[in-house]
Amino acid sequence: MNETDLSRLRDAGIIDDAKLAEIRAFLSGAAGASTPAKAQASPPVRFDLTHVLWYAGALIIMGAMGLFTTAAFGAMGGWALFACGLAYGIVFGFAGDRMWKKPGMRTPAGLMIAIAVSMVPLAIYGLQDALGLWATEFGDPGQYRDFFNWVNGSWLYMEIATIIVAALAVWRYPFSFILLVAGIALWFMSMDLAMWFTAKPDGFDEFEMRRQISLFFGIAMIFAAWAIDIMSRRDGPDLAFWIHIFGAMAFWGGLSMTSGGTAFTKFLYLLINVGLVGLSVFLGRRVYAVFGALGISFYLGDLAYNVFNDVILFSFALSAIGLGIIGIGLLVHRHSASIARTMDGLVPEALRWARPERARTS
């Protein structure tokens, strides 16, 4: 078994990056020396019952203290909310730190740290409410549970604090799930930041400005995730995973929300989505292929609608487009290893540094 065979197994999804590194170490005769280093890395995500229960429990706690916070809970008052968020953060942070040092406990420890980070917006909300620090331009944004479904510029302070704490936490505890919280905060920030640039923050008549902010903020998130990938080792934790997802969501959402447009701008939209598919190969990130394929299908669907005015003919045309995209997906999946090797050969030597190590075949 050579390096090409190992890379093909990884690309086919039979083994993950961590297992690939372990096999490489074993075949090179360095398995014994690499075991302690591997023990220090975050374990790959598994989907057995134990890990499902761990992740489910963490998400339930985050939801209980966030999305499903009731009006009665909010009636506790600012200082009580601050104390509650701070206490939860300290308890879960302390528990996560203790568990992090124990062998085989990195996953529950990382989840504990993620829960602690998710308490930051609750604590900041309570502190702002208690001290009356809401920005006068945007006013009191309402109950804490509105943070998850209502755009308001006053949430920006909570999001900034959450991102800072998440960055510090993942620097100390390299566990990718922690950045899920940061990714959500960044995604919310791309919407709430628009309130600072619109004339009427209580209304939504400045849609175009907000669409553009989401688009450019998404680009910034993609470049940030790209930078994290470049600095990360192939066999290390996938710290940029969630940032890539939310960056792609913000960028592609802002791009696709353009209303109207000429035939040229629609064709430009198609080219950008084709570029996203190419970017997915270059970075080794499938999320861009997913959004790129959606954008291509939207363009072809719009084209088919204008060509086939008859509803029945349009339905057949749309079905054919869907089948074609599925077929392309099957071909890409079957030849993913050769596509990745071709990309390795096409990238100029001067740009090799820009391609993340985990995306390369050798």
Protein backbone atom coordinates (compact mmCIF):
# COMPACT_ATOMS: atom_id res chain seq x y z
CA MET A 1 0.00 0.00 0.00
CA ASN A 2 1.48 3.32 -1.08
CA GLU A 3 0.68 6.98 -0.40
CA THR A 4 -1.72 7.17 -3.34
CA ASP A 5 -3.75 4.24 -2.01
CA LEU A 6 -3.98 5.84 1.42
CA SER A 7 -5.10 9.14 -0.07
CA ARG A 8 -7.77 7.39 -2.15
CA LEU A 9 -9.10 5.65 0.97
CA ARG A 10 -9.28 9.02 2.73
CA ASP A 11 -10.96 10.75 -0.21
CA ALA A 12 -13.52 7.95 -0.47
CA GLY A 13 -14.50 8.49 3.16
CA ILE A 14 -13.36 5.03 4.29
CA ILE A 15 -10.84 6.53 6.72
CA ASP A 16 -10.58 10.02 8.19
CA ASP A 17 -7.57 12.31 8.45
CA ALA A 18 -6.66 11.15 11.96
CA LYS A 19 -6.73 7.48 10.96
CA LEU A 20 -4.71 8.28 7.83
CA ALA A 21 -2.00 9.87 9.99
CA GLU A 22 -2.00 6.82 12.27
CA ILE A 23 -1.58 4.42 9.33
CA ARG A 24 1.22 6.55 7.90
CA ALA A 25 3.04 6.49 11.22
CA PHE A 26 2.63 2.72 11.49
CA LEU A 27 3.87 2.04 7.95
CA SER A 28 6.89 4.28 8.49
CA GLY A 29 7.79 2.41 11.66
CA ALA A 30 7.07 5.42 13.87
CA ALA A 31 3.80 4.28 15.37
CA GLY A 32 5.24 4.07 18.85
CA ALA A 33 6.72 7.54 18.70
CA SER A 34 3.55 9.12 17.31
CA THR A 35 1.12 7.64 19.84
CA PRO A 36 1.72 10.25 22.57
CA ALA A 37 1.34 13.10 20.06
CA LYS A 38 -1.89 11.63 18.71
CA ALA A 39 -3.22 11.28 22.21
CA GLN A 40 -2.84 15.04 22.58
CA ALA A 41 -4.94 15.78 19.50
CA SER A 42 -8.72 15.98 19.47
CA PRO A 43 -10.23 12.64 18.48
CA PRO A 44 -12.16 12.44 15.21
CA VAL A 45 -15.92 12.81 15.40
CA ARG A 46 -17.60 9.44 15.69
CA PHE A 47 -21.26 8.55 15.49
CA ASP A 48 -21.60 5.75 17.99
CA LEU A 49 -24.23 5.97 20.73
CA THR A 50 -21.86 7.44 23.30
CA HIS A 51 -20.79 10.35 21.12
CA VAL A 52 -24.33 11.01 19.94
CA LEU A 53 -25.44 11.28 23.57
CA TRP A 54 -22.55 13.60 24.41
CA TYR A 55 -23.28 15.97 21.53
CA ALA A 56 -27.05 15.79 22.11
CA GLY A 57 -26.60 16.65 25.78
CA ALA A 58 -24.37 19.63 24.95
CA LEU A 59 -26.84 20.97 22.37
CA ILE A 60 -29.75 20.57 24.80
CA ILE A 61 -27.92 22.59 27.45
CA MET A 62 -27.03 25.30 24.93
CA GLY A 63 -30.64 25.40 23.78
CA ALA A 64 -32.02 25.51 27.30
CA MET A 65 -29.88 28.53 28.11
CA GLY A 66 -30.36 30.20 24.75
CA LEU A 67 -32.90 29.54 22.04
CA PHE A 68 -35.60 28.24 24.37
CA THR A 69 -35.16 30.83 27.11
CA THR A 70 -38.64 31.85 28.23
CA ALA A 71 -40.03 35.21 29.21
CA ALA A 72 -40.18 34.00 32.82
CA PHE A 73 -36.45 33.28 32.75
CA GLY A 74 -35.82 36.72 31.29
CA ALA A 75 -37.86 38.27 34.13
CA MET A 76 -35.03 37.36 36.51
CA GLY A 77 -33.41 40.70 35.77
CA GLY A 78 -30.04 41.72 34.39
CA TRP A 79 -27.85 40.91 37.38
CA ALA A 80 -29.47 37.51 37.83
CA LEU A 81 -28.96 36.66 34.17
CA PHE A 82 -25.34 37.79 34.35
CA ALA A 83 -24.72 35.73 37.47
CA CYS A 84 -26.45 32.71 35.92
CA GLY A 85 -24.45 32.90 32.70
CA LEU A 86 -21.19 33.49 34.58
CA ALA A 87 -21.83 30.61 36.99
CA TYR A 88 -22.68 28.18 34.19
CA GLY A 89 -19.60 29.31 32.25
CA ILE A 90 -17.27 28.83 35.21
CA VAL A 91 -18.71 25.43 36.19
CA PHE A 92 -18.64 23.98 32.67
CA GLY A 93 -15.26 25.58 31.92
CA PHE A 94 -13.73 24.12 35.08
CA ALA A 95 -15.22 20.69 34.38
CA GLY A 96 -13.99 20.80 30.78
CA ASP A 97 -10.49 21.79 31.87
CA ARG A 98 -10.29 18.89 34.33
CA MET A 99 -11.59 16.37 31.80
CA TRP A 100 -9.28 17.69 29.05
CA LYS A 101 -6.27 16.35 30.95
CA LYS A 102 -7.68 12.82 31.14
CA PRO A 103 -6.93 10.29 28.35
CA GLY A 104 -9.86 9.53 26.06
CA MET A 105 -11.99 12.36 27.43
CA ARG A 106 -11.21 15.08 24.89
CA THR A 107 -14.66 14.94 23.26
CA PRO A 108 -16.78 15.47 26.40
CA ALA A 109 -14.19 17.98 27.65
CA GLY A 110 -14.39 19.97 24.42
CA LEU A 111 -18.17 19.94 24.59
CA MET A 112 -18.03 21.28 28.15
CA ILE A 113 -15.79 24.13 26.99
CA ALA A 114 -18.18 24.83 24.10
CA ILE A 115 -21.09 25.05 26.57
CA ALA A 116 -19.06 27.47 28.70
CA VAL A 117 -18.40 29.66 25.66
CA SER A 118 -22.10 29.60 24.74
CA MET A 119 -22.86 31.26 28.10
CA VAL A 120 -20.97 34.42 27.07
CA PRO A 121 -23.84 36.12 25.18
CA LEU A 122 -26.21 35.43 28.10
CA ALA A 123 -23.79 36.96 30.60
CA ILE A 124 -23.10 39.99 28.38
CA TYR A 125 -26.83 40.48 27.82
CA GLY A 126 -27.45 40.46 31.56
CA LEU A 127 -24.58 42.88 32.20
CA GLN A 128 -25.80 45.31 29.55
CA ASP A 129 -29.32 45.14 30.90
CA ALA A 130 -28.23 45.61 34.51
CA LEU A 131 -26.00 48.61 33.75
CA GLY A 132 -28.34 50.15 31.18
CA LEU A 133 -25.69 49.99 28.46
CA TRP A 134 -27.98 49.41 25.48
CA ALA A 135 -27.05 51.72 22.61
CA THR A 136 -29.55 54.57 22.44
CA GLU A 137 -29.72 54.37 18.63
CA PHE A 138 -31.02 50.81 18.65
CA GLY A 139 -32.59 50.70 22.10
CA ASP A 140 -33.36 47.69 24.24
CA PRO A 141 -33.51 44.72 21.85
CA GLY A 142 -36.02 42.88 24.02
CA GLN A 143 -35.75 39.50 25.68
CA TYR A 144 -32.62 37.38 25.41
CA ARG A 145 -34.43 34.67 23.43
CA ASP A 146 -34.98 37.26 20.64
CA PHE A 147 -31.21 37.10 20.03
CA PHE A 148 -31.76 33.97 17.95
CA ASN A 149 -34.52 35.20 15.66
CA TRP A 150 -34.45 39.01 15.53
CA VAL A 151 -31.88 41.27 13.88
CA ASN A 152 -30.82 44.20 16.08
CA GLY A 153 -27.62 46.23 16.25
CA SER A 154 -27.58 46.02 20.05
CA TRP A 155 -26.67 42.31 19.84
CA LEU A 156 -23.28 43.24 18.36
CA TYR A 157 -21.56 43.54 21.73
CA MET A 158 -22.64 40.03 22.70
CA GLU A 159 -21.37 38.64 19.41
CA ILE A 160 -17.97 40.33 19.67
CA ALA A 161 -17.46 39.03 23.20
CA THR A 162 -18.51 35.52 22.16
CA ILE A 163 -16.07 35.47 19.24
CA ILE A 164 -13.17 36.67 21.42
CA VAL A 165 -13.84 34.10 24.14
CA ALA A 166 -14.31 31.31 21.57
CA ALA A 167 -10.97 32.20 19.94
CA LEU A 168 -9.20 32.10 23.30
CA ALA A 169 -10.91 28.84 24.22
CA VAL A 170 -10.01 27.05 20.98
CA TRP A 171 -6.42 28.30 21.32
CA ARG A 172 -6.22 26.67 24.73
CA TYR A 173 -8.40 23.66 23.90
CA PRO A 174 -8.12 22.79 20.16
CA PHE A 175 -11.58 21.28 19.69
CA SER A 176 -13.45 22.25 16.53
CA PHE A 177 -16.98 22.17 18.01
CA ILE A 178 -16.10 25.22 20.12
CA LEU A 179 -15.99 27.25 16.92
CA LEU A 180 -19.61 26.30 16.18
CA VAL A 181 -20.52 28.95 18.76
CA ALA A 182 -18.14 31.45 17.14
CA GLY A 183 -19.50 30.58 13.68
CA ILE A 184 -23.07 31.29 14.77
CA ALA A 185 -21.97 34.56 16.38
CA LEU A 186 -20.17 35.58 13.18
CA TRP A 187 -23.20 34.69 11.08
CA PHE A 188 -25.47 36.74 13.37
CA MET A 189 -22.94 39.57 13.27
CA SER A 190 -23.13 39.68 9.48
CA MET A 191 -26.83 40.52 9.86
CA ASP A 192 -26.71 42.71 12.97
CA LEU A 193 -23.77 44.73 11.69
CA ALA A 194 -25.99 46.01 8.90
CA MET A 195 -28.01 47.92 11.49
CA TRP A 196 -25.02 50.19 12.01
CA PHE A 197 -25.04 51.25 8.36
CA THR A 198 -28.75 51.67 7.69
CA ALA A 199 -30.77 54.78 8.28
CA LYS A 200 -33.79 53.08 9.83
CA PRO A 201 -32.72 50.23 12.11
CA ASP A 202 -36.31 49.47 13.14
CA GLY A 203 -37.32 48.62 9.57
CA PHE A 204 -36.10 46.37 6.82
CA ASP A 205 -36.33 48.78 3.91
CA GLU A 206 -32.52 48.87 3.53
CA PHE A 207 -32.40 45.30 2.21
CA GLU A 208 -29.78 45.93 -0.48
CA MET A 209 -27.30 47.35 2.03
CA ARG A 210 -27.78 44.37 4.31
CA ARG A 211 -27.43 41.94 1.45
CA GLN A 212 -24.10 43.48 0.48
CA ILE A 213 -22.83 43.46 4.06
CA SER A 214 -23.71 39.77 4.36
CA LEU A 215 -21.91 39.04 1.10
CA PHE A 216 -18.68 40.83 2.01
CA PHE A 217 -18.74 39.61 5.60
CA GLY A 218 -19.07 36.08 4.25
CA ILE A 219 -16.00 36.63 2.06
CA ALA A 220 -14.06 37.78 5.13
CA MET A 221 -15.14 34.65 7.04
CA ILE A 222 -14.08 32.42 4.13
CA PHE A 223 -10.62 34.02 4.04
CA ALA A 224 -10.32 33.66 7.82
CA ALA A 225 -11.20 29.96 7.62
CA TRP A 226 -8.77 29.58 4.70
CA ALA A 227 -6.00 31.11 6.82
CA ILE A 228 -6.77 28.72 9.67
CA ASP A 229 -6.56 25.81 7.22
CA ILE A 230 -3.17 26.94 5.93
CA MET A 231 -1.78 27.12 9.47
CA SER A 232 -3.30 23.77 10.49
CA ARG A 233 -1.64 20.39 10.19
CA ARG A 234 -3.25 17.62 8.17
CA ASP A 235 -3.52 15.32 11.21
CA GLY A 236 -4.68 18.06 13.59
CA PRO A 237 -8.23 19.02 14.59
CA ASP A 238 -10.36 20.59 11.87
CA LEU A 239 -10.70 24.00 13.50
CA ALA A 240 -11.96 25.82 10.41
CA PHE A 241 -14.90 23.50 9.67
CA TRP A 242 -17.68 25.63 11.16
CA ILE A 243 -16.20 28.94 9.98
CA HIS A 244 -16.22 27.62 6.41
CA ILE A 245 -19.88 26.63 6.75
CA PHE A 246 -21.13 29.94 8.14
CA GLY A 247 -18.88 31.93 5.82
CA ALA A 248 -20.31 30.08 2.82
CA MET A 249 -23.84 30.64 4.13
CA ALA A 250 -23.33 34.40 4.58
CA PHE A 251 -21.61 34.86 1.21
CA TRP A 252 -23.86 32.64 -0.88
CA GLY A 253 -27.00 33.96 0.84
CA GLY A 254 -26.04 37.55 0.08
CA LEU A 255 -25.09 36.60 -3.47
CA SER A 256 -28.31 34.71 -4.18
CA MET A 257 -30.64 37.32 -2.70
CA THR A 258 -30.05 39.66 -5.62
CA SER A 259 -33.40 40.56 -7.15
CA GLY A 260 -33.94 40.88 -10.88
CA GLY A 261 -30.75 41.34 -12.86
CA THR A 262 -29.80 41.21 -16.51
CA ALA A 263 -28.81 38.15 -18.48
CA PHE A 264 -25.16 39.13 -17.98
CA THR A 265 -25.43 39.43 -14.19
CA LYS A 266 -27.23 36.09 -14.03
CA PHE A 267 -24.46 34.51 -16.10
CA LEU A 268 -21.92 36.10 -13.75
CA TYR A 269 -23.83 34.48 -10.87
CA LEU A 270 -23.41 31.14 -12.65
CA LEU A 271 -19.65 31.68 -13.06
CA ILE A 272 -19.27 32.54 -9.37
CA ASN A 273 -21.04 29.33 -8.37
CA VAL A 274 -18.88 27.33 -10.75
CA GLY A 275 -15.93 29.02 -9.05
CA LEU A 276 -17.26 27.83 -5.67
CA VAL A 277 -17.17 24.25 -6.94
CA GLY A 278 -13.56 24.76 -8.02
CA LEU A 279 -12.76 26.35 -4.65
CA SER A 280 -14.13 23.27 -2.90
CA VAL A 281 -11.57 21.13 -4.73
CA PHE A 282 -8.74 23.58 -4.09
CA LEU A 283 -9.48 23.86 -0.35
CA GLY A 284 -10.76 20.32 0.14
CA ARG A 285 -14.05 21.70 1.51
CA ARG A 286 -17.26 20.11 0.25
CA VAL A 287 -19.48 22.88 1.64
CA TYR A 288 -18.54 25.15 -1.27
CA ALA A 289 -19.43 22.43 -3.77
CA VAL A 290 -22.86 22.12 -2.12
CA PHE A 291 -23.63 25.83 -2.34
CA GLY A 292 -22.08 26.06 -5.80
CA ALA A 293 -24.25 23.21 -7.06
CA LEU A 294 -27.33 24.91 -5.58
CA GLY A 295 -26.44 28.16 -7.33
CA ILE A 296 -25.87 26.38 -10.65
CA SER A 297 -29.22 24.60 -10.34
CA PHE A 298 -30.96 27.90 -9.54
CA TYR A 299 -29.46 29.52 -12.63
CA LEU A 300 -30.37 26.58 -14.87
CA GLY A 301 -33.85 26.47 -13.35
CA ASP A 302 -34.35 30.17 -14.10
CA LEU A 303 -33.07 29.61 -17.62
CA ALA A 304 -35.38 26.64 -18.13
CA TYR A 305 -38.34 28.66 -16.82
CA ASN A 306 -37.71 31.37 -19.40
CA VAL A 307 -37.17 28.88 -22.23
CA PHE A 308 -40.05 26.52 -21.36
CA ASN A 309 -43.05 28.66 -20.57
CA ASP A 310 -45.32 25.64 -20.41
CA VAL A 311 -45.52 24.30 -16.86
CA ILE A 312 -45.32 20.64 -17.94
CA LEU A 313 -42.28 21.21 -20.15
CA PHE A 314 -40.63 23.25 -17.37
CA SER A 315 -41.17 20.38 -14.92
CA PHE A 316 -39.48 17.93 -17.28
CA ALA A 317 -36.62 20.37 -17.90
CA LEU A 318 -36.13 20.94 -14.18
CA SER A 319 -36.13 17.18 -13.53
CA ALA A 320 -33.50 16.72 -16.21
CA ILE A 321 -31.36 19.40 -14.58
CA GLY A 322 -31.67 17.67 -11.21
CA LEU A 323 -30.71 14.29 -12.68
CA GLY A 324 -27.75 15.88 -14.46
CA ILE A 325 -26.45 17.43 -11.25
CA ILE A 326 -26.85 14.12 -9.40
CA GLY A 327 -24.92 12.39 -12.19
CA ILE A 328 -22.13 14.96 -11.98
CA GLY A 329 -22.03 14.44 -8.22
CA LEU A 330 -21.64 10.68 -8.69
CA LEU A 331 -18.81 11.18 -11.18
CA VAL A 332 -17.03 13.60 -8.87
CA HIS A 333 -17.40 11.18 -5.95
CA ARG A 334 -16.06 8.27 -7.99
CA HIS A 335 -13.07 10.20 -9.30
CA SER A 336 -12.44 12.46 -6.30
CA ALA A 337 -8.92 11.15 -5.77
CA SER A 338 -7.87 11.74 -9.39
CA ILE A 339 -9.51 15.19 -9.34
CA ALA A 340 -7.52 16.09 -6.23
CA ARG A 341 -4.28 14.84 -7.85
CA THR A 342 -5.04 16.86 -10.97
CA MET A 343 -5.55 19.95 -8.82
CA ASP A 344 -2.16 19.27 -7.19
CA GLY A 345 -0.57 19.31 -10.63
CA LEU A 346 -2.39 22.45 -11.80
CA VAL A 347 -1.46 24.61 -8.82
CA PRO A 348 1.72 26.61 -9.61
CA GLU A 349 4.64 26.10 -7.28
CA ALA A 350 4.41 29.72 -6.15
CA LEU A 351 0.82 29.15 -4.94
CA ARG A 352 1.33 25.80 -3.21
CA TRP A 353 1.41 27.55 0.15
CA ALA A 354 -2.17 28.76 -0.38
CA ARG A 355 -3.55 25.23 -0.62
CA PRO A 356 -4.26 23.72 2.81
CA GLU A 357 -2.25 20.65 3.68
CA ARG A 358 -5.40 18.60 4.33
CA ALA A 359 -6.51 19.20 0.71
CA ARG A 360 -3.34 17.81 -0.86
CA THR A 361 -2.88 14.24 -1.92
CA SER A 362 0.77 14.10 -0.92
